[in-house]
PDB file of all heavy atoms in Angstrom:
ATOM      1  N   SER A   1      17.116   2.211  -2.235  1.00  0.00           N
ATOM      2  CA  SER A   1      15.811   2.872  -2.154  1.00  0.00           C
ATOM      3  C   SER A   1      14.721   1.841  -1.909  1.00  0.00           C
ATOM      4  O   SER A   1      14.921   0.649  -2.097  1.00  0.00           O
ATOM      5  CB  SER A   1      15.523   3.666  -3.434  1.00  0.00           C
ATOM      6  OG  SER A   1      15.458   2.804  -4.546  1.00  0.00           O
ATOM      7  N   ILE A   2      13.568   2.334  -1.483  1.00  0.00           N
ATOM      8  CA  ILE A   2      12.391   1.479  -1.252  1.00  0.00           C
ATOM      9  C   ILE A   2      11.315   1.928  -2.231  1.00  0.00           C
ATOM     10  O   ILE A   2      10.513   2.806  -1.921  1.00  0.00           O
ATOM     11  CB  ILE A   2      11.894   1.589   0.206  1.00  0.00           C
ATOM     12  CG1 ILE A   2      13.004   1.239   1.205  1.00  0.00           C
ATOM     13  CG2 ILE A   2      10.682   0.662   0.425  1.00  0.00           C
ATOM     14  CD1 ILE A   2      12.627   1.454   2.665  1.00  0.00           C
ATOM     15  N   PRO A   3      11.282   1.326  -3.449  1.00  0.00           N
ATOM     16  CA  PRO A   3      10.300   1.752  -4.445  1.00  0.00           C
ATOM     17  C   PRO A   3       8.866   1.319  -4.125  1.00  0.00           C
ATOM     18  O   PRO A   3       7.909   1.942  -4.572  1.00  0.00           O
ATOM     19  CB  PRO A   3      10.787   1.102  -5.737  1.00  0.00           C
ATOM     20  CG  PRO A   3      11.564  -0.088  -5.293  1.00  0.00           C
ATOM     21  CD  PRO A   3      12.169   0.292  -3.968  1.00  0.00           C
ATOM     22  N   GLU A   4       8.727   0.231  -3.373  1.00  0.00           N
ATOM     23  CA  GLU A   4       7.424  -0.279  -2.927  1.00  0.00           C
ATOM     24  C   GLU A   4       7.609  -0.772  -1.508  1.00  0.00           C
ATOM     25  O   GLU A   4       8.725  -1.063  -1.079  1.00  0.00           O
ATOM     26  CB  GLU A   4       6.955  -1.427  -3.820  1.00  0.00           C
ATOM     27  CG  GLU A   4       6.699  -1.028  -5.260  1.00  0.00           C
ATOM     28  CD  GLU A   4       6.313  -2.210  -6.136  1.00  0.00           C
ATOM     29  OE1 GLU A   4       5.668  -3.150  -5.644  1.00  0.00           O
ATOM     30  OE2 GLU A   4       6.681  -2.195  -7.325  1.00  0.00           O
ATOM     31  N   ASP A   5       6.506  -0.915  -0.765  1.00  0.00           N
ATOM     32  CA  ASP A   5       6.586  -1.309   0.645  1.00  0.00           C
ATOM     33  C   ASP A   5       7.415  -2.561   0.895  1.00  0.00           C
ATOM     34  O   ASP A   5       8.100  -2.665   1.896  1.00  0.00           O
ATOM     35  CB  ASP A   5       5.188  -1.521   1.227  1.00  0.00           C
ATOM     36  CG  ASP A   5       4.448  -0.215   1.454  1.00  0.00           C
ATOM     37  OD1 ASP A   5       5.103   0.850   1.454  1.00  0.00           O
ATOM     38  OD2 ASP A   5       3.228  -0.269   1.634  1.00  0.00           O
ATOM     39  N   ASN A   6       7.331  -3.534  -0.012  1.00  0.00           N
ATOM     40  CA  ASN A   6       8.010  -4.809   0.227  1.00  0.00           C
ATOM     41  C   ASN A   6       9.194  -5.032  -0.713  1.00  0.00           C
ATOM     42  O   ASN A   6       9.645  -6.153  -0.892  1.00  0.00           O
ATOM     43  CB  ASN A   6       7.028  -5.971   0.114  1.00  0.00           C
ATOM     44  CG  ASN A   6       6.526  -6.174  -1.301  1.00  0.00           C
ATOM     45  OD1 ASN A   6       6.415  -5.233  -2.077  1.00  0.00           O
ATOM     46  ND2 ASN A   6       6.225  -7.412  -1.637  1.00  0.00           N
ATOM     47  N   LYS A   7       9.700  -3.953  -1.327  1.00  0.00           N
ATOM     48  CA  LYS A   7      10.840  -4.087  -2.238  1.00  0.00           C
ATOM     49  C   LYS A   7      11.937  -3.101  -1.866  1.00  0.00           C
ATOM     50  O   LYS A   7      11.657  -1.959  -1.490  1.00  0.00           O
ATOM     51  CB  LYS A   7      10.431  -3.836  -3.687  1.00  0.00           C
ATOM     52  CG  LYS A   7       9.627  -4.958  -4.278  1.00  0.00           C
ATOM     53  CD  LYS A   7       9.388  -4.719  -5.759  1.00  0.00           C
ATOM     54  CE  LYS A   7       8.607  -5.884  -6.360  1.00  0.00           C
ATOM     55  NZ  LYS A   7       8.382  -5.692  -7.790  1.00  0.00           N
ATOM     56  N   LEU A   8      13.161  -3.561  -1.998  1.00  0.00           N
ATOM     57  CA  LEU A   8      14.331  -2.722  -1.799  1.00  0.00           C
ATOM     58  C   LEU A   8      15.124  -2.752  -3.090  1.00  0.00           C
ATOM     59  O   LEU A   8      15.375  -3.821  -3.638  1.00  0.00           O
ATOM     60  CB  LEU A   8      15.171  -3.283  -0.646  1.00  0.00           C
ATOM     61  CG  LEU A   8      16.293  -2.393  -0.137  1.00  0.00           C
ATOM     62  CD1 LEU A   8      15.701  -1.190   0.592  1.00  0.00           C
ATOM     63  CD2 LEU A   8      17.188  -3.173   0.814  1.00  0.00           C
ATOM     64  N   LYS A   9      15.495  -1.586  -3.583  1.00  0.00           N
ATOM     65  CA  LYS A   9      16.271  -1.516  -4.818  1.00  0.00           C
ATOM     66  C   LYS A   9      17.696  -1.102  -4.483  1.00  0.00           C
ATOM     67  O   LYS A   9      17.919  -0.122  -3.778  1.00  0.00           O
ATOM     68  CB  LYS A   9      15.662  -0.531  -5.807  1.00  0.00           C
ATOM     69  CG  LYS A   9      16.410  -0.513  -7.135  1.00  0.00           C
ATOM     70  CD  LYS A   9      15.715   0.354  -8.156  1.00  0.00           C
ATOM     71  CE  LYS A   9      16.460   0.273  -9.471  1.00  0.00           C
ATOM     72  NZ  LYS A   9      15.797   1.023 -10.528  1.00  0.00           N
ATOM     73  N   LEU A  10      18.653  -1.871  -4.992  1.00  0.00           N
ATOM     74  CA  LEU A  10      20.066  -1.575  -4.856  1.00  0.00           C
ATOM     75  C   LEU A  10      20.594  -1.300  -6.249  1.00  0.00           C
ATOM     76  O   LEU A  10      20.303  -2.057  -7.177  1.00  0.00           O
ATOM     77  CB  LEU A  10      20.809  -2.772  -4.253  1.00  0.00           C
ATOM     78  CG  LEU A  10      20.209  -3.396  -2.991  1.00  0.00           C
ATOM     79  CD1 LEU A  10      20.991  -4.633  -2.598  1.00  0.00           C
ATOM     80  CD2 LEU A  10      20.180  -2.390  -1.871  1.00  0.00           C
ATOM     81  N   SER A  11      21.350  -0.224  -6.411  1.00  0.00           N
ATOM     82  CA  SER A  11      21.910   0.066  -7.728  1.00  0.00           C
ATOM     83  C   SER A  11      23.272   0.723  -7.583  1.00  0.00           C
ATOM     84  O   SER A  11      23.535   1.435  -6.626  1.00  0.00           O
ATOM     85  CB  SER A  11      20.963   0.953  -8.541  1.00  0.00           C
ATOM     86  OG  SER A  11      20.729   2.169  -7.873  1.00  0.00           O
ATOM     87  N   GLY A  12      24.115   0.436  -8.560  1.00  0.00           N
ATOM     88  CA  GLY A  12      25.458   0.966  -8.507  1.00  0.00           C
ATOM     89  C   GLY A  12      26.067   1.114  -9.880  1.00  0.00           C
ATOM     90  O   GLY A  12      25.435   0.848 -10.893  1.00  0.00           O
ATOM     91  N   SER A  13      27.308   1.526  -9.882  1.00  0.00           N
ATOM     92  CA  SER A  13      28.033   1.708 -11.140  1.00  0.00           C
ATOM     93  C   SER A  13      29.429   1.125 -10.993  1.00  0.00           C
ATOM     94  O   SER A  13      29.678   0.289 -10.131  1.00  0.00           O
ATOM     95  CB  SER A  13      28.071   3.188 -11.500  1.00  0.00           C
ATOM     96  OG  SER A  13      28.734   3.910 -10.485  1.00  0.00           O
ATOM     97  N   TYR A  14      30.338   1.611 -11.774  1.00  0.00           N
ATOM     98  CA  TYR A  14      31.691   1.067 -11.849  1.00  0.00           C
ATOM     99  C   TYR A  14      32.377   0.947 -10.482  1.00  0.00           C
ATOM    100  O   TYR A  14      33.058  -0.023 -10.216  1.00  0.00           O
ATOM    101  CB  TYR A  14      32.539   1.931 -12.784  1.00  0.00           C
ATOM    102  CG  TYR A  14      33.948   1.440 -12.930  1.00  0.00           C
ATOM    103  CD1 TYR A  14      34.241   0.323 -13.698  1.00  0.00           C
ATOM    104  CD2 TYR A  14      34.990   2.080 -12.269  1.00  0.00           C
ATOM    105  CE1 TYR A  14      35.525  -0.146 -13.826  1.00  0.00           C
ATOM    106  CE2 TYR A  14      36.288   1.633 -12.396  1.00  0.00           C
ATOM    107  CZ  TYR A  14      36.554   0.516 -13.171  1.00  0.00           C
ATOM    108  OH  TYR A  14      37.827   0.060 -13.286  1.00  0.00           O
ATOM    109  N   GLY A  15      32.195   1.928  -9.609  1.00  0.00           N
ATOM    110  CA  GLY A  15      32.865   1.925  -8.311  1.00  0.00           C
ATOM    111  C   GLY A  15      32.527   0.730  -7.442  1.00  0.00           C
ATOM    112  O   GLY A  15      33.367   0.228  -6.700  1.00  0.00           O
ATOM    113  N   VAL A  16      31.297   0.280  -7.489  1.00  0.00           N
ATOM    114  CA  VAL A  16      30.859  -0.906  -6.747  1.00  0.00           C
ATOM    115  C   VAL A  16      30.217  -1.827  -7.771  1.00  0.00           C
ATOM    116  O   VAL A  16      29.039  -1.743  -8.053  1.00  0.00           O
ATOM    117  CB  VAL A  16      29.852  -0.548  -5.632  1.00  0.00           C
ATOM    118  CG1 VAL A  16      29.342  -1.806  -4.958  1.00  0.00           C
ATOM    119  CG2 VAL A  16      30.493   0.373  -4.608  1.00  0.00           C
ATOM    120  N   SER A  17      31.037  -2.686  -8.353  1.00  0.00           N
ATOM    121  CA  SER A  17      30.536  -3.594  -9.379  1.00  0.00           C
ATOM    122  C   SER A  17      31.194  -4.955  -9.208  1.00  0.00           C
ATOM    123  O   SER A  17      32.013  -5.163  -8.320  1.00  0.00           O
ATOM    124  CB  SER A  17      30.803  -3.023 -10.776  1.00  0.00           C
ATOM    125  OG  SER A  17      32.191  -2.853 -10.982  1.00  0.00           O
ATOM    126  N   GLY A  18      30.817  -5.883 -10.069  1.00  0.00           N
ATOM    127  CA  GLY A  18      31.406  -7.222 -10.043  1.00  0.00           C
ATOM    128  C   GLY A  18      31.276  -7.904  -8.702  1.00  0.00           C
ATOM    129  O   GLY A  18      30.198  -7.945  -8.109  1.00  0.00           O
ATOM    130  N   ASN A  19      32.397  -8.387  -8.196  1.00  0.00           N
ATOM    131  CA  ASN A  19      32.413  -9.149  -6.945  1.00  0.00           C
ATOM    132  C   ASN A  19      31.974  -8.307  -5.755  1.00  0.00           C
ATOM    133  O   ASN A  19      31.280  -8.792  -4.866  1.00  0.00           O
ATOM    134  CB  ASN A  19      33.817  -9.730  -6.715  1.00  0.00           C
ATOM    135  CG  ASN A  19      33.849 -10.673  -5.550  1.00  0.00           C
ATOM    136  OD1 ASN A  19      34.177 -10.260  -4.440  1.00  0.00           O
ATOM    137  ND2 ASN A  19      33.492 -11.920  -5.790  1.00  0.00           N
ATOM    138  N   ILE A  20      32.341  -7.036  -5.758  1.00  0.00           N
ATOM    139  CA  ILE A  20      31.924  -6.159  -4.652  1.00  0.00           C
ATOM    140  C   ILE A  20      30.408  -6.002  -4.662  1.00  0.00           C
ATOM    141  O   ILE A  20      29.765  -6.047  -3.616  1.00  0.00           O
ATOM    142  CB  ILE A  20      32.617  -4.781  -4.735  1.00  0.00           C
ATOM    143  CG1 ILE A  20      34.133  -4.943  -4.593  1.00  0.00           C
ATOM    144  CG2 ILE A  20      32.079  -3.836  -3.664  1.00  0.00           C
ATOM    145  CD1 ILE A  20      34.918  -3.680  -4.874  1.00  0.00           C
ATOM    146  N   ALA A  21      29.818  -5.828  -5.836  1.00  0.00           N
ATOM    147  CA  ALA A  21      28.361  -5.703  -5.940  1.00  0.00           C
ATOM    148  C   ALA A  21      27.672  -6.974  -5.458  1.00  0.00           C
ATOM    149  O   ALA A  21      26.673  -6.912  -4.742  1.00  0.00           O
ATOM    150  CB  ALA A  21      27.955  -5.390  -7.379  1.00  0.00           C
ATOM    151  N   GLU A  22      28.203  -8.125  -5.821  1.00  0.00           N
ATOM    152  CA  GLU A  22      27.618  -9.397  -5.380  1.00  0.00           C
ATOM    153  C   GLU A  22      27.667  -9.508  -3.864  1.00  0.00           C
ATOM    154  O   GLU A  22      26.695  -9.922  -3.230  1.00  0.00           O
ATOM    155  CB  GLU A  22      28.350 -10.567  -6.025  1.00  0.00           C
ATOM    156  CG  GLU A  22      28.079 -10.705  -7.512  1.00  0.00           C
ATOM    157  CD  GLU A  22      28.900 -11.805  -8.166  1.00  0.00           C
ATOM    158  OE1 GLU A  22      29.618 -12.548  -7.454  1.00  0.00           O
ATOM    159  OE2 GLU A  22      28.837 -11.911  -9.396  1.00  0.00           O
ATOM    160  N   ARG A  23      28.794  -9.133  -3.258  1.00  0.00           N
ATOM    161  CA  ARG A  23      28.924  -9.199  -1.798  1.00  0.00           C
ATOM    162  C   ARG A  23      28.013  -8.164  -1.118  1.00  0.00           C
ATOM    163  O   ARG A  23      27.461  -8.427  -0.051  1.00  0.00           O
ATOM    164  CB  ARG A  23      30.377  -9.017  -1.373  1.00  0.00           C
ATOM    165  CG  ARG A  23      31.251 -10.203  -1.778  1.00  0.00           C
ATOM    166  CD  ARG A  23      32.614 -10.250  -1.109  1.00  0.00           C
ATOM    167  NE  ARG A  23      33.266  -8.971  -0.893  1.00  0.00           N
ATOM    168  CZ  ARG A  23      34.114  -8.387  -1.723  1.00  0.00           C
ATOM    169  NH1 ARG A  23      34.418  -8.955  -2.875  1.00  0.00           N
ATOM    170  NH2 ARG A  23      34.672  -7.228  -1.413  1.00  0.00           N
ATOM    171  N   PHE A  24      27.858  -6.998  -1.748  1.00  0.00           N
ATOM    172  CA  PHE A  24      26.962  -5.966  -1.222  1.00  0.00           C
ATOM    173  C   PHE A  24      25.526  -6.493  -1.163  1.00  0.00           C
ATOM    174  O   PHE A  24      24.854  -6.381  -0.131  1.00  0.00           O
ATOM    175  CB  PHE A  24      27.044  -4.712  -2.099  1.00  0.00           C
ATOM    176  CG  PHE A  24      26.224  -3.550  -1.602  1.00  0.00           C
ATOM    177  CD1 PHE A  24      26.735  -2.672  -0.665  1.00  0.00           C
ATOM    178  CD2 PHE A  24      24.940  -3.331  -2.084  1.00  0.00           C
ATOM    179  CE1 PHE A  24      25.980  -1.595  -0.206  1.00  0.00           C
ATOM    180  CE2 PHE A  24      24.185  -2.266  -1.642  1.00  0.00           C
ATOM    181  CZ  PHE A  24      24.704  -1.393  -0.698  1.00  0.00           C
ATOM    182  N   VAL A  25      25.063  -7.068  -2.269  1.00  0.00           N
ATOM    183  CA  VAL A  25      23.707  -7.631  -2.323  1.00  0.00           C
ATOM    184  C   VAL A  25      23.554  -8.745  -1.293  1.00  0.00           C
ATOM    185  O   VAL A  25      22.550  -8.810  -0.576  1.00  0.00           O
ATOM    186  CB  VAL A  25      23.372  -8.136  -3.744  1.00  0.00           C
ATOM    187  CG1 VAL A  25      22.058  -8.903  -3.765  1.00  0.00           C
ATOM    188  CG2 VAL A  25      23.341  -6.980  -4.733  1.00  0.00           C
TER     189      VAL A  25
END
């Protein structure tokens, strides 16, 4: 999501976590 013009928020749970979350970011 884009909570502010210059910010992007990424959020997840168990399905995309740990190493996968790090690679996603």
